[in-house]
Amino acid sequence: MERSVYDRMNELETRHWWFTARRAIIAALIGPLLKEKPDAAILEAGCGSGGNLSMLGHFGKVDAFEFDANARNAAVEKSGLDVHFGALPGELPFTDKRYDLIGLFDVLEHIEADQASLSALAGYLDERGKILLTVPAFPFLWSKHDERHHHFRRYTRASLAEVAQKAGLKVSYSSYFNTFLFPLALASRMLKSLTGSNQPDDQLPPAWLNSAFARVFGFERHLLGHVRMPFGLSLAAVLEKA
């Protein structure tokens, strides 16, 4: 990602509606996966500036790695964890450990070798371990936001399942999410395309709007895991060894 994107993420991930609501949704998805594992071993692959580490710590013992040095330092400062350097697919720490849950939250789209990366992470799973990942959805939504974040692709349920299968994994659950705000986001991206606007999508909106978006997006945590949303700006999936 561009340096400005990392810096903005570090600044906003405790306040911006997208980060706070996504974190609540991720927590809601993790709960059932680890309900019989109060001492779960958890790895966050590509933890960025560490915004999810405290939340993950409620579910077990957390390890984490991150490629970018500045983001890694921020994650250490926020979490107190010894966040290691790591780069998917081939430069990974913790080679002697196996995990009940590996979190890969909006990371896979940044990696050209997505199949090899999932295959590498599969080798870190315990016998019944699972990978929980989130990725941006639908190639037709490609925008300057994706270019600024150095994405290689956006996924559909089918394309993600195909990559997972080739990596020796199966999808036990997948659903689109950020569904309720989808029409508004689609209209915004179309308007930006027509006007040539370069305004970043991840700027912090006014407090009242930030709060409203957080409530609308965050409400989906009550639905995911029970129903599969037919469309959305993002895609969540649970993967396990085939």
Protein backbone atom coordinates (compact mmCIF):
# COMPACT_ATOMS: atom_id res chain seq x y z
CA MET A 1 0.00 0.00 0.00
CA GLU A 2 1.03 3.61 -0.36
CA ARG A 3 2.67 5.10 2.75
CA SER A 4 -0.23 7.53 3.18
CA VAL A 5 -2.67 4.61 3.31
CA TYR A 6 -0.73 2.90 6.11
CA ASP A 7 -0.53 6.17 8.02
CA ARG A 8 -4.25 6.86 7.63
CA MET A 9 -5.09 3.31 8.74
CA ASN A 10 -2.96 3.69 11.86
CA GLU A 11 -4.64 6.97 12.67
CA LEU A 12 -8.24 6.00 11.99
CA GLU A 13 -8.69 2.29 12.73
CA THR A 14 -9.99 2.91 16.24
CA ARG A 15 -12.53 5.52 15.07
CA HIS A 16 -13.50 5.10 11.41
CA TRP A 17 -16.85 3.38 10.88
CA TRP A 18 -15.46 0.81 8.44
CA PHE A 19 -12.74 -0.42 10.81
CA THR A 20 -14.89 -0.46 13.95
CA ALA A 21 -17.86 -2.21 12.33
CA ARG A 22 -15.68 -4.72 10.47
CA ARG A 23 -13.93 -5.55 13.74
CA ALA A 24 -17.30 -6.23 15.40
CA ILE A 25 -18.31 -8.44 12.47
CA ILE A 26 -15.04 -10.38 12.60
CA ALA A 27 -15.48 -10.93 16.34
CA ALA A 28 -19.00 -12.23 15.77
CA LEU A 29 -17.71 -14.70 13.20
CA ILE A 30 -14.84 -15.87 15.41
CA GLY A 31 -17.01 -16.61 18.45
CA PRO A 32 -18.69 -19.77 17.11
CA LEU A 33 -15.44 -21.00 15.55
CA LEU A 34 -13.61 -20.97 18.90
CA LYS A 35 -16.45 -21.58 21.36
CA GLU A 36 -14.84 -24.84 22.50
CA LYS A 37 -11.31 -23.38 22.50
CA PRO A 38 -10.97 -20.83 25.32
CA ASP A 39 -7.18 -21.08 25.07
CA ALA A 40 -7.05 -20.95 21.28
CA ALA A 41 -3.81 -20.33 19.43
CA ILE A 42 -4.44 -17.47 16.98
CA LEU A 43 -2.28 -15.97 14.24
CA GLU A 44 -3.02 -12.73 12.44
CA ALA A 45 -1.25 -12.77 9.09
CA GLY A 46 -0.55 -9.24 7.90
CA CYS A 47 -1.78 -7.42 11.01
CA GLY A 48 -1.11 -3.93 9.64
CA SER A 49 -0.87 -1.37 12.41
CA GLY A 50 -2.47 -3.74 14.92
CA GLY A 51 -6.06 -2.58 15.13
CA ASN A 52 -7.45 -6.12 15.45
CA LEU A 53 -4.96 -7.56 17.93
CA SER A 54 -6.73 -6.50 21.12
CA MET A 55 -10.01 -7.95 19.84
CA LEU A 56 -8.31 -11.22 18.88
CA GLY A 57 -6.77 -11.41 22.34
CA HIS A 58 -10.23 -11.93 23.83
CA PHE A 59 -10.36 -15.32 22.09
CA GLY A 60 -6.94 -16.76 22.93
CA LYS A 61 -3.18 -16.30 22.67
CA VAL A 62 -2.22 -14.21 19.66
CA ASP A 63 0.82 -14.17 17.40
CA ALA A 64 1.11 -11.74 14.51
CA PHE A 65 3.33 -10.79 11.63
CA GLU A 66 3.47 -7.81 9.28
CA PHE A 67 5.57 -6.90 6.26
CA ASP A 68 5.71 -3.10 6.60
CA ALA A 69 8.17 -1.89 9.25
CA ASN A 70 6.27 1.27 10.26
CA ALA A 71 2.97 -0.58 10.56
CA ARG A 72 4.70 -3.35 12.50
CA ASN A 73 6.12 -0.85 14.98
CA ALA A 74 2.69 0.71 15.42
CA ALA A 75 1.20 -2.74 16.07
CA VAL A 76 3.83 -3.45 18.73
CA GLU A 77 3.10 -0.13 20.42
CA LYS A 78 -0.67 -0.70 20.39
CA SER A 79 -0.69 -4.32 21.46
CA GLY A 80 2.48 -4.95 23.47
CA LEU A 81 2.97 -8.10 21.40
CA ASP A 82 6.23 -9.09 19.73
CA VAL A 83 4.96 -8.64 16.17
CA HIS A 84 7.35 -10.34 13.76
CA PHE A 85 8.34 -9.55 10.22
CA GLY A 86 6.62 -11.78 7.69
CA ALA A 87 5.83 -11.78 3.99
CA LEU A 88 3.44 -14.13 2.23
CA PRO A 89 3.89 -16.60 0.75
CA GLY A 90 7.51 -17.47 1.47
CA GLU A 91 8.94 -15.50 4.41
CA LEU A 92 6.93 -16.53 7.44
CA PRO A 93 7.84 -16.65 11.15
CA PHE A 94 6.54 -19.09 13.79
CA THR A 95 7.51 -22.13 11.71
CA ASP A 96 7.28 -24.44 14.74
CA LYS A 97 3.73 -23.44 15.70
CA ARG A 98 0.26 -24.58 14.66
CA TYR A 99 -2.91 -22.53 15.09
CA ASP A 100 -6.60 -23.03 15.80
CA LEU A 101 -7.41 -19.84 13.88
CA ILE A 102 -5.53 -17.78 11.33
CA GLY A 103 -6.95 -14.34 10.56
CA LEU A 104 -6.31 -12.83 7.15
CA PHE A 105 -8.26 -9.59 7.13
CA ASP A 106 -8.18 -7.68 3.84
CA VAL A 107 -4.70 -8.96 3.07
CA LEU A 108 -5.03 -11.58 0.32
CA GLU A 109 -5.97 -9.03 -2.34
CA HIS A 110 -2.60 -7.32 -1.79
CA ILE A 111 -0.63 -10.45 -2.68
CA GLU A 112 -0.06 -11.51 -6.26
CA ALA A 113 0.51 -15.17 -5.30
CA ASP A 114 -2.80 -15.69 -3.51
CA GLN A 115 -2.96 -19.45 -4.03
CA ALA A 116 0.58 -19.98 -2.76
CA SER A 117 -0.15 -17.74 0.23
CA LEU A 118 -3.22 -19.75 1.26
CA SER A 119 -1.26 -22.96 0.79
CA ALA A 120 1.52 -21.64 3.02
CA LEU A 121 -0.95 -20.64 5.74
CA ALA A 122 -2.67 -24.03 5.51
CA GLY A 123 0.58 -25.55 6.72
CA TYR A 124 0.23 -23.55 9.94
CA LEU A 125 -3.22 -24.91 10.80
CA ASP A 126 -3.79 -27.37 13.59
CA GLU A 127 -5.72 -30.50 12.62
CA ARG A 128 -9.07 -28.73 13.06
CA GLY A 129 -7.79 -25.23 12.52
CA LYS A 130 -9.51 -22.67 10.34
CA ILE A 131 -8.61 -19.60 8.33
CA LEU A 132 -11.01 -16.68 8.61
CA LEU A 133 -10.46 -14.14 5.88
CA THR A 134 -12.07 -11.03 4.47
CA VAL A 135 -11.45 -9.61 1.00
CA PRO A 136 -13.00 -6.90 -1.21
CA ALA A 137 -15.82 -8.22 -3.40
CA PHE A 138 -16.72 -8.08 -7.09
CA PRO A 139 -14.27 -7.11 -9.84
CA PHE A 140 -16.78 -4.67 -11.33
CA LEU A 141 -16.33 -2.50 -8.23
CA TRP A 142 -12.66 -1.90 -9.08
CA SER A 143 -11.80 1.77 -8.50
CA LYS A 144 -8.99 4.15 -7.68
CA HIS A 145 -9.37 2.96 -4.10
CA ASP A 146 -8.06 -0.46 -5.19
CA GLU A 147 -5.19 1.11 -7.10
CA ARG A 148 -4.23 3.30 -4.15
CA HIS A 149 -4.24 0.26 -1.89
CA HIS A 150 -2.20 -1.77 -4.41
CA HIS A 151 -4.79 -4.49 -4.79
CA PHE A 152 -4.24 -7.23 -7.35
CA ARG A 153 -7.89 -8.29 -7.53
CA ARG A 154 -11.35 -8.31 -5.99
CA TYR A 155 -13.10 -11.65 -5.37
CA THR A 156 -16.42 -13.38 -5.81
CA ARG A 157 -17.51 -16.36 -3.76
CA ALA A 158 -16.74 -18.58 -6.74
CA SER A 159 -13.30 -17.16 -7.48
CA LEU A 160 -12.25 -17.36 -3.82
CA ALA A 161 -13.49 -20.95 -3.55
CA GLU A 162 -11.46 -21.84 -6.65
CA VAL A 163 -8.26 -20.37 -5.22
CA ALA A 164 -8.87 -22.10 -1.88
CA GLN A 165 -9.43 -25.46 -3.56
CA LYS A 166 -6.19 -25.16 -5.51
CA ALA A 167 -4.43 -24.38 -2.24
CA GLY A 168 -5.72 -27.61 -0.65
CA LEU A 169 -8.46 -25.92 1.35
CA LYS A 170 -12.24 -26.05 1.34
CA VAL A 171 -14.72 -23.29 2.08
CA SER A 172 -16.97 -24.21 5.00
CA TYR A 173 -18.71 -20.83 5.01
CA SER A 174 -18.68 -17.73 2.85
CA SER A 175 -20.87 -14.68 2.55
CA TYR A 176 -20.75 -11.20 1.18
CA PHE A 177 -21.06 -8.41 3.73
CA ASN A 178 -21.23 -4.63 3.96
CA THR A 179 -24.48 -5.20 2.12
CA PHE A 180 -26.73 -2.49 3.55
CA LEU A 181 -24.38 0.29 2.43
CA PHE A 182 -23.75 -1.30 -0.97
CA PRO A 183 -26.14 0.94 -2.97
CA LEU A 184 -24.71 4.10 -1.43
CA ALA A 185 -21.12 3.00 -2.05
CA LEU A 186 -21.89 2.00 -5.62
CA ALA A 187 -23.45 5.41 -6.31
CA SER A 188 -20.47 7.15 -4.71
CA ARG A 189 -17.97 5.24 -6.83
CA MET A 190 -19.91 5.89 -10.01
CA LEU A 191 -20.02 9.62 -9.19
CA LYS A 192 -16.27 9.69 -8.51
CA SER A 193 -15.62 7.90 -11.79
CA LEU A 194 -17.74 10.40 -13.72
CA THR A 195 -16.20 13.45 -12.05
CA GLY A 196 -12.64 12.16 -11.88
CA SER A 197 -12.53 12.71 -8.11
CA ASN A 198 -9.41 11.49 -6.28
CA GLN A 199 -10.87 11.85 -2.79
CA PRO A 200 -9.92 8.75 -0.73
CA ASP A 201 -12.77 6.46 0.31
CA ASP A 202 -11.30 6.00 3.80
CA GLN A 203 -11.42 9.61 4.98
CA LEU A 204 -13.17 10.10 8.31
CA PRO A 205 -16.67 11.54 7.72
CA PRO A 206 -18.42 13.95 10.11
CA ALA A 207 -19.08 12.40 13.52
CA TRP A 208 -22.84 11.98 13.01
CA LEU A 209 -22.35 10.25 9.67
CA ASN A 210 -19.49 8.12 10.95
CA SER A 211 -21.71 6.93 13.79
CA ALA A 212 -24.63 6.20 11.45
CA PHE A 213 -22.48 4.21 9.03
CA ALA A 214 -20.96 2.25 11.92
CA ARG A 215 -24.41 1.29 13.22
CA VAL A 216 -25.74 0.27 9.81
CA PHE A 217 -22.65 -1.71 8.80
CA GLY A 218 -22.14 -3.16 12.29
CA PHE A 219 -25.70 -4.49 12.45
CA GLU A 220 -24.68 -7.14 9.94
CA ARG A 221 -22.80 -8.94 12.71
CA HIS A 222 -26.17 -10.26 13.88
CA LEU A 223 -26.83 -11.84 10.48
CA LEU A 224 -23.50 -13.21 9.28
CA GLY A 225 -22.89 -16.79 10.28
CA HIS A 226 -26.64 -17.42 10.12
CA VAL A 227 -27.44 -16.27 6.58
CA ARG A 228 -25.47 -15.72 3.41
CA MET A 229 -25.84 -12.22 2.08
CA PRO A 230 -26.32 -12.21 -1.72
CA PHE A 231 -24.03 -9.22 -2.40
CA GLY A 232 -21.87 -6.70 -0.61
CA LEU A 233 -18.71 -4.64 -0.80
CA SER A 234 -16.72 -7.34 0.99
CA LEU A 235 -16.56 -11.11 1.23
CA ALA A 236 -15.88 -13.21 4.35
CA ALA A 237 -14.97 -16.89 4.29
CA VAL A 238 -13.96 -19.69 6.62
CA LEU A 239 -11.45 -22.12 5.13
CA GLU A 240 -10.22 -25.45 6.47
CA LYS A 241 -8.06 -28.28 5.24
CA ALA A 242 -9.70 -30.33 2.52
